[in-house]
Amino acid sequence: MIERDILHYELHRVEFKAPWMVFVHGAGGSVRTWKKQVNFFKGKFNLLLVDLRDHGDSKNVKEENPFDFQSIAQEVIDVMDSLSIKRAHFLGVSMGSIIIRHIEQNSADRVQSVILAGGVFKMSTKINTLSFLARTLTRILPFNTLYQLFALVLLPRNNHAASRKVFIREAKKLQRHEARKWLKLVKKLNTTLHDLFTKQMNAPCLVVMGAQDHVFLEPAKQYVEKYGEVFLQIIDKCGHVCNIERAAEFNQHCWEFINELERKQLKA
C-alpha cells in the first residue's frame, strides 16, 4: 500500500449531523478560491476545503507519490477518511471538476451530489495549443507570466477581472518545478476527458457555467444534452470562474439544488 500524505485543508463545522460540502479548487487555485462560498454556506453545512497537491499550503506531499488524476482524487478522499466524513456534496471549479468526476467514478458511495462550476468536459483546439506553448515556454519564462497570459485568454473581458486577479494571485505560490509537473498532467487531459465524456454520472449533478465562457460552455451543453439527468444553469454576463464573478447567483443555484436533494432524502 502506498503511504500518502494528508493535504492541507480548512474546516467550518456547524453541527455533527449536518451534511458535508467538499470544495475542490482548480489549477493554480487554493482554499481561498472559495471565500465567497464559505461566507454563504458556513452555518448551513459542514464545509471541507482542500488545497490540492503543490497548491496553497499543501507543499509536503512526497514527490515519489503517484501523480495523476486518480491519485489526486484519492488524496481528497484520504482527507475525508482522516476526518471520518463518509459522504458529501462535492463542488469543484474548472480543473477541480475533473478531479471530482474521478471521485464520483471511483468512490461513488462517498458522493451525495456533484456541482461543477465552469466544468471542463472537453479541450478545445485553442486550449490544446496554449497548453503546448506553456509546456514549451515554461523552460525559459516564469510560470507566473505564462499563467497571466493563460488567464487572459480564458477570462478576457473587463467583468472577468476579479476572478483573473484571484487565480493569478494564488498561482504565484506555485514553484516552477510544480507548475511544470501540472502542465504535464494537462497534456493527458484529452484522453482523460474523452474517457469521462463517455460516462454518465451516477450522483445528481448540477453544472453551472458562465454565458461568456467561450472555451468550455459548448462542451458542457453537449454533455448535458447527452445525459439528460444532468442539470445546467447558465449565468448571464459571466465568464469561466462563475463562483467568484457572480458569486451571489452561483451560491443561490447551489443552495437550491442541495436543499432540494436533502428534502427528497428526508421524504424517502
Protein backbone atom coordinates (compact mmCIF):
# COMPACT_ATOMS: atom_id res chain seq x y z
CA MET A 1 0.00 0.00 0.00
CA ILE A 2 1.33 3.45 -0.94
CA GLU A 3 1.69 5.80 2.02
CA ARG A 4 0.07 9.14 1.27
CA ASP A 5 0.47 12.49 2.93
CA ILE A 6 -2.64 14.34 4.07
CA LEU A 7 -3.28 17.53 2.15
CA HIS A 8 -3.76 20.87 3.86
CA TYR A 9 -7.41 21.59 4.47
CA GLU A 10 -9.77 24.08 6.09
CA LEU A 11 -12.86 23.15 8.11
CA HIS A 12 -16.05 25.00 9.01
CA ARG A 13 -18.36 22.92 11.19
CA VAL A 14 -21.95 23.73 12.06
CA GLU A 15 -23.06 20.54 13.81
CA PHE A 16 -22.28 16.85 13.83
CA LYS A 17 -25.33 15.71 11.84
CA ALA A 18 -25.29 18.47 9.22
CA PRO A 19 -24.48 17.44 5.62
CA TRP A 20 -20.94 18.00 4.36
CA MET A 21 -19.81 20.02 1.36
CA VAL A 22 -16.32 19.32 -0.04
CA PHE A 23 -14.74 22.04 -2.20
CA VAL A 24 -12.06 21.27 -4.82
CA HIS A 25 -10.37 24.24 -6.49
CA GLY A 26 -8.89 24.39 -9.99
CA ALA A 27 -5.31 24.54 -11.26
CA GLY A 28 -3.48 27.47 -9.70
CA GLY A 29 -6.15 27.94 -7.00
CA SER A 30 -6.37 27.18 -3.29
CA VAL A 31 -8.91 27.08 -0.47
CA ARG A 32 -9.02 30.88 -0.76
CA THR A 33 -10.71 30.47 -4.14
CA TRP A 34 -13.90 29.62 -2.23
CA LYS A 35 -14.04 32.65 0.08
CA LYS A 36 -17.43 33.84 -1.21
CA GLN A 37 -18.89 30.33 -0.91
CA VAL A 38 -17.58 29.91 2.64
CA ASN A 39 -19.20 33.20 3.67
CA PHE A 40 -22.53 31.98 2.26
CA PHE A 41 -22.57 28.29 3.29
CA LYS A 42 -20.88 28.28 6.72
CA GLY A 43 -23.53 27.89 9.36
CA LYS A 44 -25.69 25.97 6.89
CA PHE A 45 -23.48 22.94 6.17
CA ASN A 46 -20.26 21.43 7.41
CA LEU A 47 -17.57 22.59 4.98
CA LEU A 48 -14.29 20.94 3.97
CA LEU A 49 -11.95 22.86 1.66
CA VAL A 50 -8.82 21.13 0.36
CA ASP A 51 -5.59 22.53 -1.07
CA LEU A 52 -4.59 20.16 -3.88
CA ARG A 53 -1.02 18.92 -4.07
CA ASP A 54 1.52 21.75 -4.61
CA HIS A 55 -1.23 24.37 -4.15
CA GLY A 56 -1.90 26.69 -1.23
CA ASP A 57 -0.36 25.12 1.86
CA SER A 58 -0.19 21.54 0.52
CA LYS A 59 3.57 21.60 0.00
CA ASN A 60 4.55 18.47 1.91
CA VAL A 61 3.38 15.66 -0.40
CA LYS A 62 6.19 13.24 -1.16
CA GLU A 63 7.47 13.51 -4.73
CA GLU A 64 7.52 9.73 -5.08
CA ASN A 65 3.75 9.56 -4.64
CA PRO A 66 1.95 8.85 -7.97
CA PHE A 67 0.94 11.99 -9.84
CA ASP A 68 -2.18 11.54 -11.94
CA PHE A 69 -5.85 12.45 -11.68
CA GLN A 70 -6.70 9.17 -9.96
CA SER A 71 -4.08 9.77 -7.26
CA ILE A 72 -5.06 13.40 -6.76
CA ALA A 73 -8.70 12.36 -6.38
CA GLN A 74 -7.67 9.71 -3.84
CA GLU A 75 -5.79 12.32 -1.82
CA VAL A 76 -9.08 14.22 -1.39
CA ILE A 77 -10.75 11.02 -0.20
CA ASP A 78 -7.82 10.46 2.20
CA VAL A 79 -8.59 13.81 3.84
CA MET A 80 -12.24 12.78 4.22
CA ASP A 81 -11.16 9.47 5.76
CA SER A 82 -8.90 11.24 8.25
CA LEU A 83 -11.92 13.28 9.39
CA SER A 84 -14.40 10.37 9.29
CA ILE A 85 -16.50 12.08 6.61
CA LYS A 86 -18.45 9.29 4.93
CA ARG A 87 -20.40 11.21 2.27
CA ALA A 88 -20.58 14.75 0.97
CA HIS A 89 -21.85 17.11 -1.67
CA PHE A 90 -18.82 17.85 -3.91
CA LEU A 91 -18.26 21.24 -5.51
CA GLY A 92 -15.43 21.83 -7.98
CA VAL A 93 -14.34 24.66 -10.25
CA SER A 94 -12.55 24.32 -13.60
CA MET A 95 -9.93 21.53 -13.34
CA GLY A 96 -11.35 20.67 -9.93
CA SER A 97 -14.39 19.40 -11.82
CA ILE A 98 -12.20 16.70 -13.42
CA ILE A 99 -10.93 15.54 -10.04
CA ILE A 100 -14.48 15.33 -8.71
CA ARG A 101 -15.52 13.30 -11.76
CA HIS A 102 -12.81 10.79 -10.85
CA ILE A 103 -14.05 10.68 -7.26
CA GLU A 104 -17.60 10.11 -8.50
CA GLN A 105 -16.49 7.30 -10.79
CA ASN A 106 -14.20 5.53 -8.31
CA SER A 107 -15.81 6.28 -4.92
CA ALA A 108 -19.49 6.66 -5.79
CA ASP A 109 -20.63 5.76 -2.28
CA ARG A 110 -18.89 8.90 -0.94
CA VAL A 111 -20.75 11.29 -3.26
CA GLN A 112 -24.21 12.67 -2.46
CA SER A 113 -24.18 15.14 -5.32
CA VAL A 114 -21.85 16.94 -7.71
CA ILE A 115 -21.76 20.65 -8.57
CA LEU A 116 -19.36 21.70 -11.32
CA ALA A 117 -18.56 25.40 -11.73
CA GLY A 118 -17.02 26.17 -15.10
CA GLY A 119 -16.99 22.43 -15.72
CA VAL A 120 -14.28 21.09 -18.05
CA PHE A 121 -15.71 18.44 -20.38
CA LYS A 122 -13.54 18.78 -23.50
CA MET A 123 -10.34 20.52 -24.55
CA SER A 124 -10.68 22.95 -27.44
CA THR A 125 -8.01 23.47 -30.10
CA LYS A 126 -7.26 26.83 -28.51
CA ILE A 127 -6.58 25.32 -25.07
CA ASN A 128 -4.53 22.46 -26.54
CA THR A 129 -2.37 24.98 -28.38
CA LEU A 130 -1.93 27.15 -25.29
CA SER A 131 -1.05 24.15 -23.16
CA PHE A 132 1.60 23.05 -25.66
CA LEU A 133 3.09 26.55 -25.75
CA ALA A 134 3.06 26.75 -21.95
CA ARG A 135 4.88 23.42 -21.58
CA THR A 136 7.48 24.61 -24.09
CA LEU A 137 7.92 28.16 -22.79
CA THR A 138 7.98 27.27 -19.09
CA ARG A 139 11.62 26.26 -19.59
CA ILE A 140 12.55 29.86 -20.33
CA LEU A 141 9.74 32.08 -18.98
CA PRO A 142 8.46 32.44 -15.39
CA PHE A 143 5.32 30.40 -14.78
CA ASN A 144 3.55 33.49 -13.40
CA THR A 145 3.93 35.22 -16.76
CA LEU A 146 2.51 32.20 -18.59
CA TYR A 147 -0.36 31.85 -16.15
CA GLN A 148 -1.30 35.51 -16.57
CA LEU A 149 -1.46 35.02 -20.34
CA PHE A 150 -3.49 31.84 -19.87
CA ALA A 151 -5.88 33.65 -17.52
CA LEU A 152 -6.33 36.48 -20.03
CA VAL A 153 -7.29 34.01 -22.76
CA LEU A 154 -9.80 32.21 -20.52
CA LEU A 155 -11.11 35.41 -18.89
CA PRO A 156 -10.67 38.19 -21.44
CA ARG A 157 -13.42 40.68 -20.51
CA ASN A 158 -13.36 43.55 -18.03
CA ASN A 159 -16.01 41.90 -15.87
CA HIS A 160 -13.72 38.83 -15.54
CA ALA A 161 -11.02 40.91 -13.83
CA ALA A 162 -11.86 39.87 -10.26
CA SER A 163 -11.58 36.15 -10.99
CA ARG A 164 -8.38 36.71 -13.03
CA LYS A 165 -6.86 38.53 -10.07
CA VAL A 166 -7.68 35.76 -7.58
CA PHE A 167 -6.21 32.95 -9.69
CA ILE A 168 -3.11 34.90 -10.70
CA ARG A 169 -2.50 35.76 -7.03
CA GLU A 170 -2.83 32.15 -5.88
CA ALA A 171 -0.81 30.75 -8.81
CA LYS A 172 2.20 32.81 -7.68
CA LYS A 173 2.65 30.27 -4.86
CA LEU A 174 3.45 27.51 -7.36
CA GLN A 175 7.16 26.86 -7.87
CA ARG A 176 8.46 26.31 -11.40
CA HIS A 177 9.01 22.56 -10.94
CA GLU A 178 5.48 22.24 -9.51
CA ALA A 179 3.98 24.18 -12.41
CA ARG A 180 5.80 22.04 -14.97
CA LYS A 181 4.51 18.89 -13.28
CA TRP A 182 0.90 20.11 -13.54
CA LEU A 183 1.38 21.19 -17.14
CA LYS A 184 2.49 17.64 -17.96
CA LEU A 185 -0.74 16.43 -16.38
CA VAL A 186 -2.70 18.81 -18.62
CA LYS A 187 -1.04 17.08 -21.58
CA LYS A 188 -3.05 13.96 -20.68
CA LEU A 189 -6.36 15.81 -20.45
CA ASN A 190 -7.61 14.92 -23.94
CA THR A 191 -7.54 11.22 -23.14
CA THR A 192 -8.93 11.75 -19.64
CA LEU A 193 -11.80 13.94 -20.81
CA HIS A 194 -12.67 11.66 -23.72
CA ASP A 195 -12.97 8.80 -21.26
CA LEU A 196 -15.08 10.80 -18.79
CA PHE A 197 -17.32 12.20 -21.55
CA THR A 198 -18.48 8.68 -22.37
CA LYS A 199 -19.57 8.02 -18.78
CA GLN A 200 -22.77 9.20 -17.16
CA MET A 201 -22.55 10.37 -13.59
CA ASN A 202 -24.44 8.31 -11.04
CA ALA A 203 -24.81 11.11 -8.49
CA PRO A 204 -27.21 14.04 -9.01
CA CYS A 205 -25.27 16.72 -10.86
CA LEU A 206 -25.59 20.46 -11.40
CA VAL A 207 -23.35 22.21 -13.93
CA VAL A 208 -23.08 25.99 -13.57
CA MET A 209 -21.47 27.86 -16.46
CA GLY A 210 -20.94 31.48 -17.42
CA ALA A 211 -22.61 32.60 -20.65
CA GLN A 212 -19.28 34.24 -21.63
CA ASP A 213 -17.23 31.06 -21.09
CA HIS A 214 -16.08 30.93 -24.71
CA VAL A 215 -13.89 27.83 -24.15
CA PHE A 216 -15.90 25.38 -22.03
CA LEU A 217 -19.60 26.29 -22.32
CA GLU A 218 -20.39 24.42 -25.55
CA PRO A 219 -18.84 21.10 -24.41
CA ALA A 220 -20.82 21.43 -21.16
CA LYS A 221 -24.02 21.83 -23.18
CA GLN A 222 -23.13 18.77 -25.23
CA TYR A 223 -22.63 16.67 -22.10
CA VAL A 224 -25.94 17.82 -20.61
CA GLU A 225 -27.75 17.04 -23.86
CA LYS A 226 -26.18 13.59 -23.94
CA TYR A 227 -27.11 12.78 -20.34
CA GLY A 228 -30.46 14.43 -19.66
CA GLU A 229 -30.42 13.95 -15.87
CA VAL A 230 -27.60 16.49 -15.51
CA PHE A 231 -28.92 19.97 -14.74
CA LEU A 232 -27.40 23.05 -16.38
CA GLN A 233 -27.55 26.64 -15.15
CA ILE A 234 -26.05 29.39 -17.33
CA ILE A 235 -25.31 32.72 -15.66
CA ASP A 236 -25.57 35.78 -17.94
CA LYS A 237 -22.70 38.23 -18.32
CA CYS A 238 -20.30 35.82 -16.63
CA GLY A 239 -17.07 34.10 -17.60
CA HIS A 240 -15.40 30.81 -16.71
CA VAL A 241 -14.97 31.28 -12.95
CA CYS A 242 -18.62 31.88 -12.12
CA ASN A 243 -18.29 31.14 -8.38
CA ILE A 244 -16.19 34.31 -7.99
CA GLU A 245 -17.53 36.58 -10.70
CA ARG A 246 -21.24 36.12 -9.97
CA ALA A 247 -21.00 34.59 -6.51
CA ALA A 248 -24.48 35.56 -5.28
CA GLU A 249 -26.26 33.87 -8.19
CA PHE A 250 -23.93 30.91 -8.14
CA ASN A 251 -24.41 30.35 -4.41
CA GLN A 252 -28.18 30.54 -4.77
CA HIS A 253 -28.21 27.91 -7.53
CA CYS A 254 -26.10 25.58 -5.36
CA TRP A 255 -28.22 26.23 -2.27
CA GLU A 256 -31.47 25.43 -4.09
CA PHE A 257 -30.01 22.31 -5.71
CA ILE A 258 -28.64 20.82 -2.48
CA ASN A 259 -31.68 21.80 -0.42
CA GLU A 260 -33.98 20.03 -2.87
CA LEU A 261 -31.85 16.88 -2.69
CA GLU A 262 -31.81 16.97 1.11
CA ARG A 263 -35.58 17.50 1.18
CA LYS A 264 -36.14 14.46 -1.07
CA GLN A 265 -33.82 12.37 1.07
CA LEU A 266 -35.76 13.22 4.22
CA LYS A 267 -39.01 12.24 2.48
CA ALA A 268 -37.63 8.91 1.28
